[in-house]
C-alpha cells in the first residue's frame, strides 16, 4: 500500500518507482549536509499523468545539482533531497500534505502541488509557516491575488496564452466567426476558458456556447451534440490530459468537424499525441515553453538545448512545458539559495522576489504578486504527429492549418 509521505532514500525511491511508475531520485549525503524540498504530487488518481511530468523535472534538476557537488550555501555544499507525497488528486489532501511536509518532514523549501487550484490552497500553509513555495504549474491570476509573500509561480497569466492564439486565428482564418467553449469546472481550466471568452469577444468573435463540465465526467455526448448543432467554426476545450483524450474520442464518435479545435493543456504532451493518434492532427494549443526555444541561461542547465539533451538522455523522450517548469523551479531555488548564501527562508524569499535572470526556460522575473511576468508563451499546432510552433515569430516552425475532422 502506498504510504502518503515518501522521503527520497534508496528504499523510498524504489517504492515510488514500483507503486507510482515514476523515476528514481537523487542520492543523499549525511543528514546535516542535505537540503530537503517538499513536492506534493497527485501520484494516484486522474491527475497522475501530470505528477509523472513534475517528478521527472524535479529529479533531473536534483541529479544535475548533486552531480555538481550540491547547492553552495556560503561555501558549504548541500546535497538535494526531494520528499515526495501522494495527495491522490485531491485538493484538500494537498493542503494536509503540505503541512505535514513542513511540520513533520522538516523540509527547507516547498514546490507547489499540481495545478492552480491545489497550488492556491496549499500556498496558504506555506505562507502560514513562512516557507518559500515555487509553483511549477499555476497560471490563474486567482492563485496570486492573496498578497502572499512566499508564493512564486513560473507560469504567466492565462491571457498570455489566449490572446496571441485568438489574434493568430483572426489573422489566419478570417471566416471563423463563432466559437464554442467547453471547460472543466476546476480553477485553471475554467479560468483559461474565461480568458478565451474575453479574447474572443475582444477580437470580434461570437461565443455561441460556454459551459462547464464536472470533474470526472465520463460522458460528454449530450454536450458535444449540442455544440455540434450550433455549428461553430472554432471549438475550444479545456481540461487535463485524460479529460481531453476522452472528449476528443467522443467528438470523433459524433463526427464533429470544425475549422479549428483548440485544447488546453493536453496537446503539449507527447502522450496525448500518441494516444489520440490521427485525431490529434491539426489540434491547436498553447503552453508556456517549447523545446524549440533558444535561451542561454545562467542556471545549472545553461542553454535550452542542453536541458533538452539532458532530459532526452535520461528519459528517452522530448520534454514539454510541464517537465521544464518543474526543472526550472529547482534551478531557481538553487540560484536564490546560493545568492542568499544562507538557508534562512526570508533571505531566500527576498532573492526570489528580486530575481531578474535568463534561464533555459526563458527570462525570469516575478511580479509583485509572485507570478512570473517575463515570458512570451508559444502557440502551436499538432501537424504530422508533432507540435509545430506558430508563435512567436522568433521560434516559428510552420503555418496554421485549418480543418479538424
Protein backbone atom coordinates (compact mmCIF):
# COMPACT_ATOMS: atom_id res chain seq x y z
CA UNK A 1 0.00 0.00 0.00
CA UNK A 2 1.32 3.45 -0.90
CA UNK A 3 2.48 5.47 2.10
CA UNK A 4 1.32 9.11 1.91
CA UNK A 5 4.73 10.63 2.59
CA UNK A 6 7.85 9.34 0.89
CA UNK A 7 11.29 10.75 1.52
CA UNK A 8 13.70 10.13 -1.31
CA UNK A 9 16.02 7.48 0.01
CA UNK A 10 17.14 4.32 -1.74
CA UNK A 11 14.17 2.47 -0.23
CA UNK A 12 11.53 5.11 -0.83
CA UNK A 13 12.72 5.86 -4.37
CA UNK A 14 12.32 2.22 -5.30
CA UNK A 15 8.91 2.15 -3.61
CA UNK A 16 7.81 5.23 -5.55
CA UNK A 17 9.07 3.67 -8.76
CA UNK A 18 7.19 0.44 -8.11
CA UNK A 19 3.93 1.99 -6.96
CA UNK A 20 3.66 5.19 -8.97
CA UNK A 21 5.59 4.31 -12.09
CA UNK A 22 7.85 7.31 -11.57
CA UNK A 23 11.61 7.58 -11.95
CA UNK A 24 14.24 7.09 -9.30
CA UNK A 25 15.51 10.16 -7.50
CA UNK A 26 18.68 11.76 -6.30
CA UNK A 27 21.11 10.26 -3.83
CA UNK A 28 21.52 11.79 -0.38
CA UNK A 29 24.53 12.67 1.72
CA UNK A 30 24.58 12.63 5.50
CA UNK A 31 21.63 14.35 7.16
CA UNK A 32 23.46 17.51 8.18
CA UNK A 33 24.58 18.14 4.59
CA UNK A 34 21.16 17.83 2.96
CA UNK A 35 18.65 20.39 1.72
CA UNK A 36 15.11 18.98 1.69
CA UNK A 37 12.50 20.11 -0.82
CA UNK A 38 8.86 19.08 -0.36
CA UNK A 39 7.00 18.03 -3.50
CA UNK A 40 3.33 17.10 -3.05
CA UNK A 41 2.08 15.38 -6.21
CA UNK A 42 -1.13 13.70 -7.46
CA UNK A 43 0.70 10.40 -7.94
CA UNK A 44 -2.58 8.46 -7.99
CA UNK A 45 -6.00 9.49 -9.27
CA UNK A 46 -6.99 11.23 -12.52
CA UNK A 47 -4.12 13.74 -12.41
CA UNK A 48 -1.44 11.05 -12.17
CA UNK A 49 -0.03 11.75 -15.68
CA UNK A 50 0.78 15.29 -14.59
CA UNK A 51 2.56 14.00 -11.47
CA UNK A 52 4.93 11.96 -13.60
CA UNK A 53 5.99 15.05 -15.51
CA UNK A 54 6.65 17.14 -12.43
CA UNK A 55 8.67 14.43 -10.76
CA UNK A 56 10.78 13.90 -13.87
CA UNK A 57 11.58 17.63 -13.97
CA UNK A 58 12.43 17.82 -10.27
CA UNK A 59 14.54 14.67 -10.42
CA UNK A 60 16.55 15.88 -13.41
CA UNK A 61 17.35 19.12 -11.59
CA UNK A 62 18.28 17.27 -8.37
CA UNK A 63 20.52 14.93 -10.33
CA UNK A 64 22.35 17.80 -12.04
CA UNK A 65 22.70 19.75 -8.79
CA UNK A 66 24.12 16.74 -6.96
CA UNK A 67 26.45 15.83 -9.83
CA UNK A 68 27.91 19.33 -9.49
CA UNK A 69 28.51 18.72 -5.79
CA UNK A 70 25.24 20.11 -4.48
CA UNK A 71 23.99 23.59 -3.64
CA UNK A 72 26.66 26.02 -2.44
CA UNK A 73 25.50 27.82 0.70
CA UNK A 74 28.13 30.27 1.84
CA UNK A 75 30.95 27.93 0.81
CA UNK A 76 29.36 24.73 2.15
CA UNK A 77 27.83 22.24 -0.28
CA UNK A 78 24.47 20.64 0.43
CA UNK A 79 23.06 17.66 -1.43
CA UNK A 80 19.49 17.89 -2.72
CA UNK A 81 16.84 15.59 -1.29
CA UNK A 82 13.27 15.69 -2.56
CA UNK A 83 10.46 14.48 -0.32
CA UNK A 84 7.56 13.25 -2.44
CA UNK A 85 3.98 12.82 -1.30
CA UNK A 86 0.83 11.47 -2.95
CA UNK A 87 -2.22 13.63 -2.33
CA UNK A 88 -4.28 11.37 -4.63
CA UNK A 89 -5.54 14.15 -6.94
CA UNK A 90 -7.50 15.59 -4.00
CA UNK A 91 -7.03 19.32 -3.31
CA UNK A 92 -7.86 19.28 0.43
CA UNK A 93 -5.40 16.43 0.85
CA UNK A 94 -2.70 18.51 -0.86
CA UNK A 95 -3.13 21.10 1.88
CA UNK A 96 -2.78 18.48 4.62
CA UNK A 97 0.25 17.01 2.88
CA UNK A 98 1.96 20.40 2.60
CA UNK A 99 1.53 20.99 6.34
CA UNK A 100 2.86 17.52 7.14
CA UNK A 101 5.92 18.11 5.00
CA UNK A 102 6.71 21.39 6.76
CA UNK A 103 5.95 20.34 10.32
CA UNK A 104 6.85 16.63 10.33
CA UNK A 105 9.21 16.01 7.40
CA UNK A 106 11.03 19.28 8.17
CA UNK A 107 11.55 20.30 4.56
CA UNK A 108 13.51 23.50 3.96
CA UNK A 109 11.52 24.70 0.94
CA UNK A 110 8.37 23.72 -0.95
CA UNK A 111 7.35 23.02 -4.51
CA UNK A 112 3.67 23.71 -5.11
CA UNK A 113 1.21 20.88 -5.85
CA UNK A 114 -0.10 20.44 -9.38
CA UNK A 115 -2.43 22.99 -10.93
CA UNK A 116 -3.84 26.33 -9.92
CA UNK A 117 -6.50 25.08 -7.51
CA UNK A 118 -4.23 22.91 -5.37
CA UNK A 119 -1.37 25.43 -5.52
CA UNK A 120 -3.62 28.22 -4.25
CA UNK A 121 -4.95 26.06 -1.42
CA UNK A 122 -1.53 24.77 -0.33
CA UNK A 123 0.11 28.18 -0.57
CA UNK A 124 -1.91 29.21 2.50
CA UNK A 125 0.10 26.70 4.53
CA UNK A 126 3.43 27.82 3.09
CA UNK A 127 2.52 31.40 3.93
CA UNK A 128 1.49 30.44 7.48
CA UNK A 129 4.90 28.88 8.16
CA UNK A 130 6.82 31.42 6.05
CA UNK A 131 8.24 28.76 3.73
CA UNK A 132 9.03 29.86 0.15
CA UNK A 133 6.95 27.88 -2.36
CA UNK A 134 7.61 27.71 -6.10
CA UNK A 135 4.56 26.61 -8.08
CA UNK A 136 5.51 24.94 -11.37
CA UNK A 137 2.00 24.64 -12.82
CA UNK A 138 -0.19 27.50 -11.56
CA UNK A 139 -1.16 30.18 -14.07
CA UNK A 140 -4.53 31.50 -12.94
CA UNK A 141 -4.47 35.03 -11.56
CA UNK A 142 -6.70 33.89 -8.68
CA UNK A 143 -3.71 31.98 -7.27
CA UNK A 144 -1.76 35.19 -6.80
CA UNK A 145 -4.45 37.56 -5.56
CA UNK A 146 -3.87 36.80 -1.87
CA UNK A 147 -0.97 39.22 -1.36
CA UNK A 148 1.20 36.34 -0.18
CA UNK A 149 4.93 36.95 0.24
CA UNK A 150 6.19 33.37 -0.02
CA UNK A 151 4.46 32.11 -3.18
CA UNK A 152 6.10 32.35 -6.62
CA UNK A 153 5.00 30.80 -9.92
CA UNK A 154 6.69 30.11 -13.26
CA UNK A 155 3.57 30.34 -15.47
CA UNK A 156 2.45 33.71 -16.86
CA UNK A 157 -1.27 34.64 -16.58
CA UNK A 158 -3.75 32.71 -18.71
CA UNK A 159 -4.45 35.62 -21.07
CA UNK A 160 -0.85 35.39 -22.31
CA UNK A 161 -1.95 32.14 -23.98
CA UNK A 162 -5.42 33.01 -25.20
CA UNK A 163 -4.70 36.49 -26.58
CA UNK A 164 -1.96 35.52 -29.08
CA UNK A 165 -3.90 32.40 -30.03
CA UNK A 166 -7.03 34.43 -30.82
CA UNK A 167 -5.09 37.07 -32.70
CA UNK A 168 -3.39 34.36 -34.75
CA UNK A 169 -6.75 32.80 -35.65
CA UNK A 170 -8.17 36.19 -36.60
CA UNK A 171 -5.20 36.87 -38.88
CA UNK A 172 -5.11 33.42 -40.49
CA UNK A 173 -8.79 32.45 -40.59
CA UNK A 174 -11.00 35.44 -41.31
CA UNK A 175 -14.01 33.16 -41.92
CA UNK A 176 -14.02 31.97 -38.31
CA UNK A 177 -16.83 33.88 -36.59
CA UNK A 178 -18.36 31.53 -34.00
CA UNK A 179 -16.62 29.92 -31.01
CA UNK A 180 -17.88 27.21 -28.64
CA UNK A 181 -16.11 26.86 -25.28
CA UNK A 182 -16.24 23.80 -23.02
CA UNK A 183 -14.33 23.93 -19.73
CA UNK A 184 -13.53 21.54 -16.92
CA UNK A 185 -15.02 23.05 -13.75
CA UNK A 186 -11.68 23.42 -11.99
CA UNK A 187 -9.67 26.54 -11.24
CA UNK A 188 -7.14 26.55 -14.11
CA UNK A 189 -9.27 25.04 -16.90
CA UNK A 190 -12.20 27.30 -16.07
CA UNK A 191 -10.03 30.40 -15.69
CA UNK A 192 -8.35 29.91 -19.06
CA UNK A 193 -11.74 29.28 -20.69
CA UNK A 194 -12.96 32.58 -19.24
CA UNK A 195 -9.89 34.32 -20.65
CA UNK A 196 -10.62 32.71 -24.01
CA UNK A 197 -14.14 34.13 -23.88
CA UNK A 198 -12.72 37.60 -23.22
CA UNK A 199 -10.12 37.24 -26.00
CA UNK A 200 -12.74 36.02 -28.49
CA UNK A 201 -15.13 38.90 -27.79
CA UNK A 202 -12.30 41.44 -27.87
CA UNK A 203 -11.40 40.21 -31.36
CA UNK A 204 -14.93 40.34 -32.72
CA UNK A 205 -15.82 36.64 -32.45
CA UNK A 206 -19.22 35.42 -31.27
CA UNK A 207 -19.18 32.99 -28.33
CA UNK A 208 -22.17 30.78 -29.16
CA UNK A 209 -21.62 28.31 -26.32
CA UNK A 210 -19.89 28.37 -22.93
CA UNK A 211 -20.45 25.53 -20.48
CA UNK A 212 -18.60 23.74 -17.69
CA UNK A 213 -18.30 20.00 -17.19
CA UNK A 214 -17.82 18.40 -13.80
CA UNK A 215 -14.54 16.83 -12.73
CA UNK A 216 -14.56 13.07 -13.53
CA UNK A 217 -17.26 13.43 -16.21
CA UNK A 218 -17.14 10.33 -18.41
CA UNK A 219 -19.89 11.02 -20.94
CA UNK A 220 -19.77 14.29 -22.90
CA UNK A 221 -22.01 13.09 -25.75
CA UNK A 222 -25.05 15.29 -24.98
CA UNK A 223 -22.86 18.38 -24.58
CA UNK A 224 -20.97 17.68 -27.79
CA UNK A 225 -24.21 17.08 -29.66
CA UNK A 226 -25.45 20.48 -28.53
CA UNK A 227 -22.20 22.14 -29.63
CA UNK A 228 -22.38 20.39 -33.00
CA UNK A 229 -25.92 21.72 -33.56
CA UNK A 230 -24.61 25.31 -33.19
CA UNK A 231 -22.09 24.74 -35.98
CA UNK A 232 -19.18 26.75 -34.52
CA UNK A 233 -16.08 27.12 -36.66
CA UNK A 234 -13.88 27.04 -33.56
CA UNK A 235 -14.24 24.58 -30.69
CA UNK A 236 -12.18 25.45 -27.60
CA UNK A 237 -11.91 22.82 -24.83
CA UNK A 238 -10.02 22.95 -21.54
CA UNK A 239 -9.10 20.22 -19.08
CA UNK A 240 -6.29 17.83 -18.32
CA UNK A 241 -4.87 15.01 -20.40
CA UNK A 242 -7.40 12.30 -19.56
CA UNK A 243 -10.33 14.72 -19.96
CA UNK A 244 -9.21 15.93 -23.35
CA UNK A 245 -8.45 12.47 -24.74
CA UNK A 246 -11.95 11.35 -23.77
CA UNK A 247 -13.60 14.45 -25.24
CA UNK A 248 -11.61 14.14 -28.45
CA UNK A 249 -12.64 10.49 -28.82
CA UNK A 250 -16.30 11.37 -28.30
CA UNK A 251 -16.01 14.22 -30.82
CA UNK A 252 -14.76 11.72 -33.39
CA UNK A 253 -17.59 9.31 -32.49
CA UNK A 254 -20.07 12.10 -33.26
CA UNK A 255 -18.20 13.03 -36.45
CA UNK A 256 -17.75 16.59 -35.22
CA UNK A 257 -15.79 18.79 -37.59
CA UNK A 258 -14.58 22.35 -37.23
CA UNK A 259 -12.13 24.70 -38.90
CA UNK A 260 -10.26 24.96 -35.60
CA UNK A 261 -10.19 22.76 -32.50
CA UNK A 262 -8.09 24.05 -29.62
CA UNK A 263 -7.40 22.03 -26.48
CA UNK A 264 -5.53 23.19 -23.40
CA UNK A 265 -3.44 21.69 -21.95
CA UNK A 266 -3.17 18.09 -23.24
CA UNK A 267 -1.75 18.55 -26.77
CA UNK A 268 1.51 19.87 -25.32
CA UNK A 269 2.15 16.34 -24.01
CA UNK A 270 3.59 13.59 -26.17
CA UNK A 271 1.30 11.01 -24.55
CA UNK A 272 -1.74 12.99 -25.71
CA UNK A 273 -0.44 13.00 -29.28
CA UNK A 274 0.34 9.28 -29.18
CA UNK A 275 -2.96 8.31 -27.55
CA UNK A 276 -5.08 10.50 -29.82
CA UNK A 277 -3.27 9.31 -32.94
CA UNK A 278 -4.71 10.66 -36.18
CA UNK A 279 -7.44 12.51 -34.27
CA UNK A 280 -4.78 14.84 -32.84
CA UNK A 281 -3.99 16.21 -36.29
CA UNK A 282 -4.34 20.00 -36.59
CA UNK A 283 -5.43 20.45 -32.98
CA UNK A 284 -4.04 23.76 -31.75
CA UNK A 285 -2.92 24.71 -28.27
CA UNK A 286 -0.64 26.99 -26.30
CA UNK A 287 1.83 26.46 -23.49
CA UNK A 288 4.46 28.31 -21.51
CA UNK A 289 7.56 26.77 -23.08
CA UNK A 290 8.68 24.74 -26.07
CA UNK A 291 11.93 22.84 -26.68
CA UNK A 292 12.43 24.88 -29.87
CA UNK A 293 13.23 27.94 -27.78
CA UNK A 294 16.86 29.02 -27.60
CA UNK A 295 17.86 30.66 -24.35
CA UNK A 296 21.37 30.91 -22.93
CA UNK A 297 20.60 30.56 -19.24
CA UNK A 298 22.58 31.40 -16.12
CA UNK A 299 21.07 28.41 -14.28
CA UNK A 300 22.59 24.95 -13.82
CA UNK A 301 21.20 23.73 -17.17
CA UNK A 302 22.61 26.63 -19.21
CA UNK A 303 21.10 26.56 -22.67
CA UNK A 304 17.64 25.34 -23.61
CA UNK A 305 19.33 22.85 -25.94
CA UNK A 306 21.38 21.42 -23.07
CA UNK A 307 18.29 20.96 -20.91
CA UNK A 308 16.52 19.19 -23.79
CA UNK A 309 19.53 16.92 -24.35
CA UNK A 310 19.87 16.03 -20.66
CA UNK A 311 16.16 15.29 -20.43
CA UNK A 312 16.17 13.11 -23.56
CA UNK A 313 19.24 11.23 -22.38
CA UNK A 314 17.61 10.46 -19.02
CA UNK A 315 14.01 9.76 -20.03
CA UNK A 316 14.22 8.92 -23.75
CA UNK A 317 11.52 11.43 -24.66
CA UNK A 318 11.12 15.07 -25.63
CA UNK A 319 10.43 17.41 -22.70
CA UNK A 320 7.29 19.52 -22.63
CA UNK A 321 6.49 22.67 -20.68
CA UNK A 322 5.42 20.77 -17.54
CA UNK A 323 8.76 18.94 -17.34
CA UNK A 324 10.68 22.15 -17.99
CA UNK A 325 8.75 24.23 -15.48
CA UNK A 326 9.39 21.72 -12.69
CA UNK A 327 13.09 21.64 -13.53
CA UNK A 328 13.39 25.41 -13.62
CA UNK A 329 11.69 25.68 -10.22
CA UNK A 330 14.53 23.63 -8.76
CA UNK A 331 17.09 25.70 -10.64
CA UNK A 332 15.54 28.96 -9.38
CA UNK A 333 15.59 27.75 -5.80
CA UNK A 334 19.25 26.81 -6.27
CA UNK A 335 20.15 30.26 -7.62
CA UNK A 336 18.23 32.07 -4.89
CA UNK A 337 19.80 29.97 -2.11
CA UNK A 338 23.31 30.41 -3.49
CA UNK A 339 22.77 34.14 -3.97
CA UNK A 340 21.47 34.46 -0.41
CA UNK A 341 24.44 32.43 0.86
CA UNK A 342 22.09 31.22 3.57
CA UNK A 343 19.33 28.73 4.35
CA UNK A 344 17.36 31.48 6.05
CA UNK A 345 13.93 31.29 4.41
CA UNK A 346 13.34 35.02 4.46
CA UNK A 347 16.66 35.72 2.76
CA UNK A 348 15.94 33.11 0.08
CA UNK A 349 12.44 34.54 -0.35
CA UNK A 350 13.92 38.01 -0.86
CA UNK A 351 16.30 36.71 -3.54
CA UNK A 352 13.38 35.12 -5.40
CA UNK A 353 11.38 38.34 -5.17
CA UNK A 354 14.13 40.44 -6.78
CA UNK A 355 15.29 37.80 -9.27
CA UNK A 356 15.83 39.02 -12.83
CA UNK A 357 17.73 36.36 -14.76
CA UNK A 358 17.70 34.42 -18.02
CA UNK A 359 17.32 30.65 -17.67
CA UNK A 360 16.88 27.76 -20.10
CA UNK A 361 13.13 28.33 -19.51
CA UNK A 362 13.43 31.96 -20.57
CA UNK A 363 13.74 35.28 -18.75
CA UNK A 364 12.54 35.01 -15.16
CA UNK A 365 11.24 37.99 -13.25
CA UNK A 366 8.39 37.83 -10.76
CA UNK A 367 5.74 40.50 -10.40
CA UNK A 368 4.79 42.00 -7.05
CA UNK A 369 2.19 39.24 -6.66
CA UNK A 370 4.79 36.48 -7.15
CA UNK A 371 3.70 35.45 -10.66
CA UNK A 372 6.27 35.49 -13.44
CA UNK A 373 5.71 38.35 -15.89
CA UNK A 374 8.66 37.95 -18.24
CA UNK A 375 7.72 35.17 -20.71
CA UNK A 376 6.13 35.11 -24.18
CA UNK A 377 4.37 31.71 -24.31
CA UNK A 378 4.30 29.83 -27.64
CA UNK A 379 1.21 28.83 -29.64
CA UNK A 380 1.49 25.55 -31.53
CA UNK A 381 -0.46 23.02 -33.57
CA UNK A 382 -0.15 19.25 -33.98
CA UNK A 383 0.96 18.63 -37.56
CA UNK A 384 2.04 15.19 -38.84
CA UNK A 385 2.10 13.93 -35.27
CA UNK A 386 4.38 16.66 -33.94
CA UNK A 387 3.86 20.02 -32.22
CA UNK A 388 4.73 22.83 -34.64
CA UNK A 389 5.26 26.31 -33.18
CA UNK A 390 3.20 29.06 -34.85
CA UNK A 391 4.02 31.94 -32.49
CA UNK A 392 6.14 33.85 -31.53
CA UNK A 393 7.91 34.55 -34.80
CA UNK A 394 11.36 34.09 -33.25
CA UNK A 395 10.78 30.33 -32.93
CA UNK A 396 8.06 29.84 -35.56
CA UNK A 397 8.24 26.43 -37.27
CA UNK A 398 5.24 26.42 -39.60
CA UNK A 399 1.90 27.90 -40.70
CA UNK A 400 -1.55 27.46 -39.19
CA UNK A 401 -3.56 24.68 -40.89
CA UNK A 402 -7.36 24.74 -40.86
CA UNK A 403 -9.66 21.75 -40.68
CA UNK A 404 -10.08 19.20 -37.86
CA UNK A 405 -12.12 16.08 -38.62
